[in-house]
C-alpha atoms as a PDB file:
ATOM      1  CA  MET A   1      28.279 -71.815  -6.577  1.00  0.00           C
ATOM      2  CA  ALA A   2      26.356 -71.981  -3.326  1.00  0.00           C
ATOM      3  CA  ALA A   3      27.516 -68.497  -2.411  1.00  0.00           C
ATOM      4  CA  LEU A   4      26.525 -67.196  -5.861  1.00  0.00           C
ATOM      5  CA  ARG A   5      23.089 -68.816  -5.559  1.00  0.00           C
ATOM      6  CA  ALA A   6      22.590 -67.172  -2.153  1.00  0.00           C
ATOM      7  CA  VAL A   7      23.460 -63.758  -3.540  1.00  0.00           C
ATOM      8  CA  VAL A   8      21.023 -64.235  -6.437  1.00  0.00           C
ATOM      9  CA  LEU A   9      18.235 -65.285  -4.108  1.00  0.00           C
ATOM     10  CA  ALA A  10      18.956 -62.338  -1.806  1.00  0.00           C
ATOM     11  CA  GLY A  11      18.828 -59.914  -4.745  1.00  0.00           C
ATOM     12  CA  SER A  12      15.561 -61.342  -6.010  1.00  0.00           C
ATOM     13  CA  GLY A  13      14.068 -61.042  -2.530  1.00  0.00           C
ATOM     14  CA  ARG A  14      15.171 -57.439  -2.297  1.00  0.00           C
ATOM     15  CA  ARG A  15      13.574 -56.683  -5.675  1.00  0.00           C
ATOM     16  CA  ALA A  16      10.390 -58.366  -4.549  1.00  0.00           C
ATOM     17  CA  LEU A  17      10.398 -56.271  -1.380  1.00  0.00           C
ATOM     18  CA  LEU A  18      10.979 -53.055  -3.326  1.00  0.00           C
ATOM     19  CA  SER A  19       8.330 -53.923  -5.864  1.00  0.00           C
ATOM     20  CA  THR A  20       5.629 -54.265  -3.251  1.00  0.00           C
ATOM     21  CA  PRO A  21       3.189 -51.318  -3.312  1.00  0.00           C
ATOM     22  CA  LYS A  22       3.795 -48.738  -0.591  1.00  0.00           C
ATOM     23  CA  ALA A  23       0.377 -47.096  -0.717  1.00  0.00           C
ATOM     24  CA  ILE A  24      -2.095 -48.718   1.587  1.00  0.00           C
ATOM     25  CA  PRO A  25      -5.669 -48.062   0.604  1.00  0.00           C
ATOM     26  CA  THR A  26      -7.543 -46.236   3.363  1.00  0.00           C
ATOM     27  CA  PRO A  27     -11.178 -45.281   3.498  1.00  0.00           C
ATOM     28  CA  LYS A  28     -11.869 -41.653   2.560  1.00  0.00           C
ATOM     29  CA  ALA A  29     -14.193 -39.606   4.737  1.00  0.00           C
ATOM     30  CA  ASN A  30     -16.631 -37.348   2.928  1.00  0.00           C
ATOM     31  CA  MET A  31     -16.494 -34.044   4.896  1.00  0.00           C
ATOM     32  CA  SER A  32     -18.052 -31.680   2.344  1.00  0.00           C
ATOM     33  CA  PHE A  33     -20.493 -29.029   3.549  1.00  0.00           C
ATOM     34  CA  ALA A  34     -23.221 -30.336   1.258  1.00  0.00           C
ATOM     35  CA  SER A  35     -23.155 -33.766   2.912  1.00  0.00           C
ATOM     36  CA  LEU A  36     -23.805 -32.377   6.409  1.00  0.00           C
ATOM     37  CA  PRO A  37     -27.282 -32.541   7.896  1.00  0.00           C
ATOM     38  CA  LYS A  38     -29.450 -29.452   7.861  1.00  0.00           C
ATOM     39  CA  SER A  39     -29.053 -28.743  11.580  1.00  0.00           C
ATOM     40  CA  LYS A  40     -25.252 -28.668  11.329  1.00  0.00           C
ATOM     41  CA  LYS A  41     -25.414 -26.452   8.252  1.00  0.00           C
ATOM     42  CA  VAL A  42     -27.534 -23.918  10.147  1.00  0.00           C
ATOM     43  CA  ALA A  43     -25.226 -24.073  13.162  1.00  0.00           C
ATOM     44  CA  LEU A  44     -22.068 -23.530  11.094  1.00  0.00           C
ATOM     45  CA  THR A  45     -23.664 -20.708   9.116  1.00  0.00           C
ATOM     46  CA  THR A  46     -24.808 -18.968  12.290  1.00  0.00           C
ATOM     47  CA  LEU A  47     -21.355 -19.351  13.821  1.00  0.00           C
ATOM     48  CA  GLY A  48     -19.738 -17.843  10.729  1.00  0.00           C
ATOM     49  CA  VAL A  49     -22.112 -14.875  10.682  1.00  0.00           C
ATOM     50  CA  ILE A  50     -21.583 -14.191  14.395  1.00  0.00           C
ATOM     51  CA  THR A  51     -17.796 -14.445  14.031  1.00  0.00           C
ATOM     52  CA  ALA A  52     -17.693 -12.121  11.020  1.00  0.00           C
ATOM     53  CA  GLY A  53     -20.047  -9.641  12.679  1.00  0.00           C
ATOM     54  CA  GLY A  54     -18.029  -9.638  15.885  1.00  0.00           C
ATOM     55  CA  ALA A  55     -14.803  -9.068  13.980  1.00  0.00           C
ATOM     56  CA  GLY A  56     -16.350  -6.192  12.020  1.00  0.00           C
ATOM     57  CA  LEU A  57     -17.763  -4.603  15.164  1.00  0.00           C
ATOM     58  CA  ALA A  58     -14.409  -4.893  16.923  1.00  0.00           C
ATOM     59  CA  MET A  59     -12.678  -3.230  13.979  1.00  0.00           C
ATOM     60  CA  LEU A  60     -15.179  -0.361  13.928  1.00  0.00           C
ATOM     61  CA  LEU A  61     -14.832   0.173  17.652  1.00  0.00           C
ATOM     62  CA  HIS A  62     -11.054   0.135  17.348  1.00  0.00           C
ATOM     63  CA  GLN A  63     -11.179   2.781  14.643  1.00  0.00           C
ATOM     64  CA  SER A  64     -13.619   5.029  16.522  1.00  0.00           C
ATOM     65  CA  VAL A  65     -12.148   4.843  20.023  1.00  0.00           C
ATOM     66  CA  LYS A  66      -8.613   4.444  21.299  1.00  0.00           C
ATOM     67  CA  ALA A  67      -8.802   2.929  24.732  1.00  0.00           C
ATOM     68  CA  SER A  68      -5.124   3.700  25.326  1.00  0.00           C
ATOM     69  CA  ASP A  69      -5.475   7.469  25.389  1.00  0.00           C
ATOM     70  CA  LEU A  70      -9.273   8.035  25.328  1.00  0.00           C
ATOM     71  CA  GLU A  71      -8.951  10.038  22.126  1.00  0.00           C
ATOM     72  CA  LEU A  72     -12.069   9.924  19.975  1.00  0.00           C
ATOM     73  CA  HIS A  73     -11.956   9.897  16.213  1.00  0.00           C
ATOM     74  CA  PRO A  74     -14.510  12.206  14.583  1.00  0.00           C
ATOM     75  CA  PRO A  75     -17.513  10.508  12.990  1.00  0.00           C
ATOM     76  CA  SER A  76     -18.325  11.012   9.332  1.00  0.00           C
ATOM     77  CA  TYR A  77     -21.036  13.635   8.833  1.00  0.00           C
ATOM     78  CA  PRO A  78     -23.271  13.915   5.740  1.00  0.00           C
ATOM     79  CA  TRP A  79     -21.921  17.183   4.339  1.00  0.00           C
ATOM     80  CA  SER A  80     -23.858  18.714   1.491  1.00  0.00           C
ATOM     81  CA  HIS A  81     -20.629  19.023  -0.525  1.00  0.00           C
ATOM     82  CA  GLY A  82     -19.468  15.484   0.201  1.00  0.00           C
ATOM     83  CA  GLY A  83     -20.911  13.927  -2.952  1.00  0.00           C
ATOM     84  CA  MET A  84     -18.894  13.276  -6.066  1.00  0.00           C
ATOM     85  CA  LEU A  85     -20.717  16.006  -7.987  1.00  0.00           C
ATOM     86  CA  SER A  86     -21.942  18.132  -5.049  1.00  0.00           C
ATOM     87  CA  SER A  87     -20.883  21.765  -4.780  1.00  0.00           C
ATOM     88  CA  LEU A  88     -20.372  23.887  -1.707  1.00  0.00           C
ATOM     89  CA  ASP A  89     -23.359  25.576  -0.104  1.00  0.00           C
ATOM     90  CA  HIS A  90     -22.454  29.206  -0.787  1.00  0.00           C
ATOM     91  CA  ALA A  91     -25.113  30.513   1.578  1.00  0.00           C
ATOM     92  CA  SER A  92     -23.400  28.475   4.271  1.00  0.00           C
ATOM     93  CA  VAL A  93     -20.030  29.876   3.166  1.00  0.00           C
ATOM     94  CA  ARG A  94     -21.415  33.395   3.630  1.00  0.00           C
ATOM     95  CA  ARG A  95     -22.694  32.579   7.124  1.00  0.00           C
ATOM     96  CA  GLY A  96     -19.405  30.848   7.911  1.00  0.00           C
ATOM     97  CA  TYR A  97     -17.481  34.005   7.073  1.00  0.00           C
ATOM     98  CA  GLN A  98     -19.741  35.900   9.456  1.00  0.00           C
ATOM     99  CA  VAL A  99     -18.912  33.369  12.176  1.00  0.00           C
ATOM    100  CA  TYR A 100     -15.202  33.733  11.501  1.00  0.00           C
ATOM    101  CA  LYS A 101     -15.390  37.528  11.483  1.00  0.00           C
ATOM    102  CA  GLN A 102     -17.405  37.853  14.690  1.00  0.00           C
ATOM    103  CA  VAL A 103     -16.070  34.891  16.686  1.00  0.00           C
ATOM    104  CA  CYS A 104     -12.881  33.307  15.341  1.00  0.00           C
ATOM    105  CA  SER A 105     -10.952  36.349  14.062  1.00  0.00           C
ATOM    106  CA  ALA A 106     -10.323  37.554  17.615  1.00  0.00           C
ATOM    107  CA  CYS A 107      -7.647  34.840  18.001  1.00  0.00           C
ATOM    108  CA  HIS A 108      -7.136  33.072  14.659  1.00  0.00           C
ATOM    109  CA  SER A 109      -5.677  34.557  11.511  1.00  0.00           C
ATOM    110  CA  MET A 110      -6.302  33.716   7.849  1.00  0.00           C
ATOM    111  CA  GLU A 111      -3.253  35.340   6.344  1.00  0.00           C
ATOM    112  CA  TYR A 112      -3.503  33.521   2.994  1.00  0.00           C
ATOM    113  CA  LEU A 113      -6.996  34.777   2.197  1.00  0.00           C
ATOM    114  CA  ALA A 114      -7.676  38.196   0.641  1.00  0.00           C
ATOM    115  CA  PHE A 115     -10.927  40.121   0.511  1.00  0.00           C
ATOM    116  CA  ARG A 116     -11.044  39.733  -3.268  1.00  0.00           C
ATOM    117  CA  ASN A 117     -11.399  35.963  -2.828  1.00  0.00           C
ATOM    118  CA  LEU A 118     -14.897  36.497  -1.418  1.00  0.00           C
ATOM    119  CA  VAL A 119     -16.163  38.193  -4.586  1.00  0.00           C
ATOM    120  CA  ASP A 120     -18.808  36.121  -6.417  1.00  0.00           C
ATOM    121  CA  VAL A 121     -18.376  33.309  -3.895  1.00  0.00           C
ATOM    122  CA  SER A 122     -20.202  34.516  -0.811  1.00  0.00           C
ATOM    123  CA  HIS A 123     -20.582  38.271  -1.424  1.00  0.00           C
ATOM    124  CA  THR A 124     -20.900  40.690  -4.292  1.00  0.00           C
ATOM    125  CA  GLU A 125     -18.052  43.008  -5.182  1.00  0.00           C
ATOM    126  CA  ALA A 126     -19.828  46.001  -3.637  1.00  0.00           C
ATOM    127  CA  GLU A 127     -20.377  44.106  -0.383  1.00  0.00           C
ATOM    128  CA  VAL A 128     -16.748  43.018  -0.202  1.00  0.00           C
ATOM    129  CA  LYS A 129     -15.569  46.589  -0.755  1.00  0.00           C
ATOM    130  CA  VAL A 130     -17.662  47.713   2.204  1.00  0.00           C
ATOM    131  CA  ILE A 131     -16.253  44.887   4.334  1.00  0.00           C
ATOM    132  CA  ALA A 132     -12.673  45.730   3.339  1.00  0.00           C
ATOM    133  CA  GLU A 133     -13.106  49.443   4.057  1.00  0.00           C
ATOM    134  CA  GLU A 134     -14.014  48.637   7.648  1.00  0.00           C
ATOM    135  CA  VAL A 135     -10.401  47.516   8.224  1.00  0.00           C
ATOM    136  CA  GLU A 136      -7.622  50.016   8.871  1.00  0.00           C
ATOM    137  CA  VAL A 137      -4.499  48.922   6.992  1.00  0.00           C
ATOM    138  CA  LYS A 138      -1.048  50.250   7.770  1.00  0.00           C
ATOM    139  CA  ASP A 139       0.634  51.345   4.540  1.00  0.00           C
ATOM    140  CA  GLY A 140       3.493  53.473   3.371  1.00  0.00           C
ATOM    141  CA  PRO A 141       5.854  55.117   3.390  1.00  0.00           C
ATOM    142  CA  ASP A 142       4.369  58.228   1.868  1.00  0.00           C
ATOM    143  CA  ASP A 143       6.212  61.064   0.155  1.00  0.00           C
ATOM    144  CA  THR A 144       7.621  62.209   3.489  1.00  0.00           C
ATOM    145  CA  GLY A 145       8.780  58.743   4.496  1.00  0.00           C
ATOM    146  CA  GLU A 146       6.084  58.239   7.111  1.00  0.00           C
ATOM    147  CA  MET A 147       3.795  55.234   7.524  1.00  0.00           C
ATOM    148  CA  PHE A 148       0.061  55.864   7.406  1.00  0.00           C
ATOM    149  CA  THR A 149      -3.221  54.004   7.740  1.00  0.00           C
ATOM    150  CA  ARG A 150      -5.846  53.719   5.067  1.00  0.00           C
ATOM    151  CA  PRO A 151      -9.130  51.874   4.542  1.00  0.00           C
ATOM    152  CA  GLY A 152      -8.750  48.337   3.267  1.00  0.00           C
ATOM    153  CA  LYS A 153      -9.047  47.410  -0.398  1.00  0.00           C
ATOM    154  CA  LEU A 154     -10.022  44.253  -2.246  1.00  0.00           C
ATOM    155  CA  SER A 155      -6.374  43.347  -2.703  1.00  0.00           C
ATOM    156  CA  ASP A 156      -5.655  43.404   1.051  1.00  0.00           C
ATOM    157  CA  TYR A 157      -5.456  40.191   3.041  1.00  0.00           C
ATOM    158  CA  PHE A 158      -7.493  39.478   6.138  1.00  0.00           C
ATOM    159  CA  PRO A 159      -6.058  41.350   9.128  1.00  0.00           C
ATOM    160  CA  LYS A 160      -4.114  39.431  11.764  1.00  0.00           C
ATOM    161  CA  PRO A 161      -5.339  39.554  15.368  1.00  0.00           C
ATOM    162  CA  TYR A 162      -1.750  39.759  16.681  1.00  0.00           C
ATOM    163  CA  ALA A 163       1.346  41.471  15.408  1.00  0.00           C
ATOM    164  CA  ASN A 164       3.570  38.399  15.744  1.00  0.00           C
ATOM    165  CA  PRO A 165       3.531  34.840  17.159  1.00  0.00           C
ATOM    166  CA  GLU A 166       5.085  35.966  20.434  1.00  0.00           C
ATOM    167  CA  ALA A 167       2.239  38.374  21.072  1.00  0.00           C
ATOM    168  CA  ALA A 168      -0.243  35.623  20.233  1.00  0.00           C
ATOM    169  CA  ARG A 169       1.351  33.241  22.736  1.00  0.00           C
ATOM    170  CA  ALA A 170       1.453  35.898  25.430  1.00  0.00           C
ATOM    171  CA  ALA A 171      -2.259  36.583  25.023  1.00  0.00           C
ATOM    172  CA  ASN A 172      -3.236  32.883  25.081  1.00  0.00           C
ATOM    173  CA  ASN A 173      -1.266  31.499  28.045  1.00  0.00           C
ATOM    174  CA  GLY A 174       1.561  30.243  25.863  1.00  0.00           C
ATOM    175  CA  ALA A 175      -0.640  28.529  23.243  1.00  0.00           C
ATOM    176  CA  LEU A 176      -0.328  29.679  19.634  1.00  0.00           C
ATOM    177  CA  PRO A 177      -3.705  29.818  17.829  1.00  0.00           C
ATOM    178  CA  PRO A 178      -3.200  28.158  14.424  1.00  0.00           C
ATOM    179  CA  ASP A 179      -3.871  29.952  11.174  1.00  0.00           C
ATOM    180  CA  LEU A 180      -7.182  28.800   9.708  1.00  0.00           C
ATOM    181  CA  SER A 181      -6.454  29.284   6.012  1.00  0.00           C
ATOM    182  CA  TYR A 182      -5.757  25.581   5.387  1.00  0.00           C
ATOM    183  CA  ILE A 183      -6.863  24.061   8.683  1.00  0.00           C
ATOM    184  CA  ILE A 184      -9.352  21.708   6.991  1.00  0.00           C
ATOM    185  CA  SER A 185      -6.653  20.186   4.792  1.00  0.00           C
ATOM    186  CA  ALA A 186      -4.063  20.230   7.575  1.00  0.00           C
ATOM    187  CA  ARG A 187      -6.058  18.146  10.057  1.00  0.00           C
ATOM    188  CA  HIS A 188      -6.828  14.457   9.765  1.00  0.00           C
ATOM    189  CA  GLY A 189     -10.580  14.165   9.334  1.00  0.00           C
ATOM    190  CA  GLY A 190     -11.002  17.571   7.696  1.00  0.00           C
ATOM    191  CA  GLU A 191     -14.279  19.283   8.416  1.00  0.00           C
ATOM    192  CA  ASP A 192     -15.473  16.284  10.450  1.00  0.00           C
ATOM    193  CA  TYR A 193     -12.645  16.869  12.913  1.00  0.00           C
ATOM    194  CA  VAL A 194     -13.203  20.635  13.153  1.00  0.00           C
ATOM    195  CA  PHE A 195     -16.965  20.195  13.630  1.00  0.00           C
ATOM    196  CA  SER A 196     -16.439  17.551  16.316  1.00  0.00           C
ATOM    197  CA  LEU A 197     -13.851  19.715  18.042  1.00  0.00           C
ATOM    198  CA  LEU A 198     -16.112  22.775  18.138  1.00  0.00           C
ATOM    199  CA  THR A 199     -19.093  20.849  19.477  1.00  0.00           C
ATOM    200  CA  GLY A 200     -17.225  18.275  21.586  1.00  0.00           C
ATOM    201  CA  TYR A 201     -16.447  20.240  24.756  1.00  0.00           C
ATOM    202  CA  CYS A 202     -17.612  18.377  27.858  1.00  0.00           C
ATOM    203  CA  ASP A 203     -16.739  17.736  31.482  1.00  0.00           C
ATOM    204  CA  ALA A 204     -13.643  15.665  32.137  1.00  0.00           C
ATOM    205  CA  PRO A 205     -14.353  12.038  33.128  1.00  0.00           C
ATOM    206  CA  GLY A 206     -13.737  10.788  36.632  1.00  0.00           C
ATOM    207  CA  GLY A 207     -10.092  10.519  37.550  1.00  0.00           C
ATOM    208  CA  VAL A 208      -8.935  13.092  34.965  1.00  0.00           C
ATOM    209  CA  GLU A 209      -7.780  16.387  36.422  1.00  0.00           C
ATOM    210  CA  MET A 210      -7.467  19.432  34.170  1.00  0.00           C
ATOM    211  CA  LYS A 211      -4.968  22.206  34.773  1.00  0.00           C
ATOM    212  CA  ASP A 212      -6.020  25.795  35.074  1.00  0.00           C
ATOM    213  CA  ASP A 213      -7.034  27.497  31.810  1.00  0.00           C
ATOM    214  CA  LEU A 214      -7.368  24.130  30.045  1.00  0.00           C
ATOM    215  CA  TYR A 215     -10.588  22.524  28.822  1.00  0.00           C
ATOM    216  CA  TYR A 216     -11.449  18.895  28.192  1.00  0.00           C
ATOM    217  CA  ASN A 217     -12.199  17.921  24.608  1.00  0.00           C
ATOM    218  CA  PRO A 218     -12.043  14.208  23.669  1.00  0.00           C
ATOM    219  CA  TYR A 219     -11.397  14.985  19.987  1.00  0.00           C
ATOM    220  CA  PHE A 220      -8.303  17.091  20.643  1.00  0.00           C
ATOM    221  CA  PRO A 221      -4.960  15.219  20.838  1.00  0.00           C
ATOM    222  CA  GLY A 222      -4.197  14.945  24.532  1.00  0.00           C
ATOM    223  CA  GLN A 223      -7.795  15.941  25.397  1.00  0.00           C
ATOM    224  CA  ALA A 224      -6.572  19.180  27.059  1.00  0.00           C
ATOM    225  CA  ILE A 225      -7.105  22.248  24.880  1.00  0.00           C
ATOM    226  CA  GLY A 226      -6.298  25.835  25.755  1.00  0.00           C
ATOM    227  CA  MET A 227      -9.116  27.328  23.669  1.00  0.00           C
ATOM    228  CA  ALA A 228     -12.309  27.968  25.603  1.00  0.00           C
ATOM    229  CA  PRO A 229     -15.566  26.766  23.995  1.00  0.00           C
ATOM    230  CA  PRO A 230     -15.861  29.292  21.159  1.00  0.00           C
ATOM    231  CA  ILE A 231     -19.465  28.741  20.097  1.00  0.00           C
ATOM    232  CA  TYR A 232     -22.763  28.075  21.788  1.00  0.00           C
ATOM    233  CA  ASN A 233     -26.427  28.570  20.996  1.00  0.00           C
ATOM    234  CA  GLU A 234     -27.213  32.100  19.816  1.00  0.00           C
ATOM    235  CA  VAL A 235     -23.574  33.166  19.946  1.00  0.00           C
ATOM    236  CA  LEU A 236     -24.418  35.538  17.087  1.00  0.00           C
ATOM    237  CA  GLU A 237     -27.305  36.482  14.843  1.00  0.00           C
ATOM    238  CA  PHE A 238     -27.092  35.532  11.196  1.00  0.00           C
ATOM    239  CA  ASP A 239     -27.924  38.226   8.657  1.00  0.00           C
ATOM    240  CA  ASP A 240     -30.255  35.906   6.716  1.00  0.00           C
ATOM    241  CA  GLY A 241     -32.265  34.938   9.797  1.00  0.00           C
ATOM    242  CA  THR A 242     -31.005  31.357  10.082  1.00  0.00           C
ATOM    243  CA  PRO A 243     -31.288  30.096  13.697  1.00  0.00           C
ATOM    244  CA  ALA A 244     -27.810  30.261  15.201  1.00  0.00           C
ATOM    245  CA  THR A 245     -27.746  26.952  17.032  1.00  0.00           C
ATOM    246  CA  MET A 246     -24.392  25.473  18.024  1.00  0.00           C
ATOM    247  CA  SER A 247     -24.510  22.796  15.330  1.00  0.00           C
ATOM    248  CA  GLN A 248     -25.580  25.320  12.671  1.00  0.00           C
ATOM    249  CA  VAL A 249     -22.778  27.716  13.579  1.00  0.00           C
ATOM    250  CA  ALA A 250     -20.206  24.899  13.566  1.00  0.00           C
ATOM    251  CA  LYS A 251     -21.505  23.574  10.258  1.00  0.00           C
ATOM    252  CA  ASP A 252     -21.352  26.981   8.567  1.00  0.00           C
ATOM    253  CA  VAL A 253     -17.863  27.855   9.749  1.00  0.00           C
ATOM    254  CA  CYS A 254     -16.613  24.398   8.698  1.00  0.00           C
ATOM    255  CA  THR A 255     -18.078  24.923   5.226  1.00  0.00           C
ATOM    256  CA  PHE A 256     -16.378  28.325   5.034  1.00  0.00           C
ATOM    257  CA  LEU A 257     -13.058  26.807   6.104  1.00  0.00           C
ATOM    258  CA  LYS A 258     -13.511  24.028   3.543  1.00  0.00           C
ATOM    259  CA  TRP A 259     -13.861  26.646   0.825  1.00  0.00           C
ATOM    260  CA  ALA A 260     -10.865  28.590   2.175  1.00  0.00           C
ATOM    261  CA  ALA A 261      -8.673  25.470   2.042  1.00  0.00           C
ATOM    262  CA  GLU A 262      -9.974  24.364  -1.379  1.00  0.00           C
ATOM    263  CA  PRO A 263     -11.266  27.379  -3.309  1.00  0.00           C
ATOM    264  CA  GLU A 264     -11.136  25.283  -6.492  1.00  0.00           C
ATOM    265  CA  HIS A 265     -13.565  22.712  -5.016  1.00  0.00           C
ATOM    266  CA  ASP A 266     -16.532  23.508  -7.255  1.00  0.00           C
ATOM    267  CA  GLN A 267     -14.429  24.055 -10.369  1.00  0.00           C
ATOM    268  CA  ARG A 268     -12.662  20.727  -9.880  1.00  0.00           C
ATOM    269  CA  LYS A 269     -15.935  18.838  -9.648  1.00  0.00           C
ATOM    270  CA  ARG A 270     -17.327  20.750 -12.621  1.00  0.00           C
ATOM    271  CA  MET A 271     -14.325  19.655 -14.684  1.00  0.00           C
ATOM    272  CA  GLY A 272     -14.847  16.098 -13.456  1.00  0.00           C
ATOM    273  CA  LEU A 273     -18.469  16.202 -14.613  1.00  0.00           C
ATOM    274  CA  LYS A 274     -17.379  17.392 -18.054  1.00  0.00           C
ATOM    275  CA  LEU A 275     -14.837  14.569 -18.183  1.00  0.00           C
ATOM    276  CA  LEU A 276     -17.511  12.005 -17.332  1.00  0.00           C
ATOM    277  CA  MET A 277     -19.831  13.398 -19.999  1.00  0.00           C
ATOM    278  CA  GLY A 278     -17.048  13.255 -22.558  1.00  0.00           C
ATOM    279  CA  SER A 279     -16.169   9.712 -21.511  1.00  0.00           C
ATOM    280  CA  VAL A 280     -19.706   8.575 -22.360  1.00  0.00           C
ATOM    281  CA  ILE A 281     -18.934   9.412 -25.987  1.00  0.00           C
ATOM    282  CA  LEU A 282     -15.230   8.589 -26.038  1.00  0.00           C
ATOM    283  CA  ILE A 283     -15.280   5.156 -24.380  1.00  0.00           C
ATOM    284  CA  PRO A 284     -17.729   3.526 -26.888  1.00  0.00           C
ATOM    285  CA  LEU A 285     -15.706   5.026 -29.739  1.00  0.00           C
ATOM    286  CA  LEU A 286     -12.473   3.593 -28.361  1.00  0.00           C
ATOM    287  CA  TYR A 287     -14.148   0.221 -27.857  1.00  0.00           C
ATOM    288  CA  TYR A 288     -15.333   0.223 -31.480  1.00  0.00           C
ATOM    289  CA  LEU A 289     -11.870   1.063 -32.766  1.00  0.00           C
ATOM    290  CA  LYS A 290     -10.279  -1.621 -30.595  1.00  0.00           C
ATOM    291  CA  ARG A 291     -12.851  -4.315 -31.420  1.00  0.00           C
ATOM    292  CA  HIS A 292     -13.425  -3.728 -35.116  1.00  0.00           C
ATOM    293  CA  ARG A 293     -10.348  -1.875 -36.355  1.00  0.00           C
ATOM    294  CA  TRP A 294      -7.299  -2.637 -34.279  1.00  0.00           C
ATOM    295  CA  SER A 295      -8.162  -6.321 -33.835  1.00  0.00           C
ATOM    296  CA  VAL A 296      -8.042  -6.764 -37.626  1.00  0.00           C
ATOM    297  CA  LEU A 297      -4.609  -5.174 -37.855  1.00  0.00           C
ATOM    298  CA  LYS A 298      -3.358  -7.052 -34.817  1.00  0.00           C
ATOM    299  CA  SER A 299      -4.448 -10.500 -36.002  1.00  0.00           C
ATOM    300  CA  ARG A 300      -3.464 -10.273 -39.664  1.00  0.00           C
ATOM    301  CA  LYS A 301      -0.602 -12.374 -40.946  1.00  0.00           C
ATOM    302  CA  ILE A 302       2.090 -11.005 -43.199  1.00  0.00           C
ATOM    303  CA  ALA A 303       3.760 -13.667 -45.358  1.00  0.00           C
ATOM    304  CA  TYR A 304       6.888 -13.140 -47.394  1.00  0.00           C
ATOM    305  CA  ARG A 305       6.887 -14.698 -50.837  1.00  0.00           C
ATOM    306  CA  PRO A 306      10.293 -14.620 -52.423  1.00  0.00           C
ATOM    307  CA  PRO A 307      10.409 -13.860 -56.118  1.00  0.00           C
ATOM    308  CA  LYS A 308      10.680 -16.854 -58.412  1.00  0.00           C
END
């Protein structure tokens, strides 16, 4: 009996120990922002603004400059056709074709562009015919099996400066001038990159040595480009009298190349404008049908009543 009484007392003590509350009440500190004094609020707010601003500035600098290879990313320029509903400047396209014809066509081809593509875009049909007839096109064979040359027609493509890629490399110290038909779409940055490249030639920084026949351009991958500076102030004289500054020439040829890469640019935005105008009528109609017609059908209850 004594042993049984000891076990009972031990069990009751264990239950009493287990039944004691484990949570010990502790004072709670009120650390909300609203309870802080005004001076600390101003200090914390200023610290947050400075931290966020510094992080944003560091991100922008990282995107604009790569310190590892000194390669600059082109800035974003306010192009006249950059807006959602903005069309290309066709006067600039016309001047850009003049720049390509007189400056760029000596080395770069545009084999995917035909003379007929210029009609009603930058020139009239009569003007394009005159431009095409200035080119001698090799055609044939004739009735005797011989090849012959003839004046160009609207259906002919822009002439190539070199007969083949090997001849192009031989004439440019081993570098192959790229075709410019889709150069805007083929390069990261588009017209911003091409504009920055054309106007970005400068002297190499200290400690950077350039090989012979190479030029320093911070926007070109590797910074060493085989193409000499192609444009400069008054490199040509525009037919419409526009001053041929370096930036104007680069802007016009970039606009022309933008049109060459995306000839449907204006038509696409025109279709988008029509879609937006139609949406102004269609969206309220769809909302009315959803709110006042479909909601009734969706929320109705169908009950089955068996025949008696």
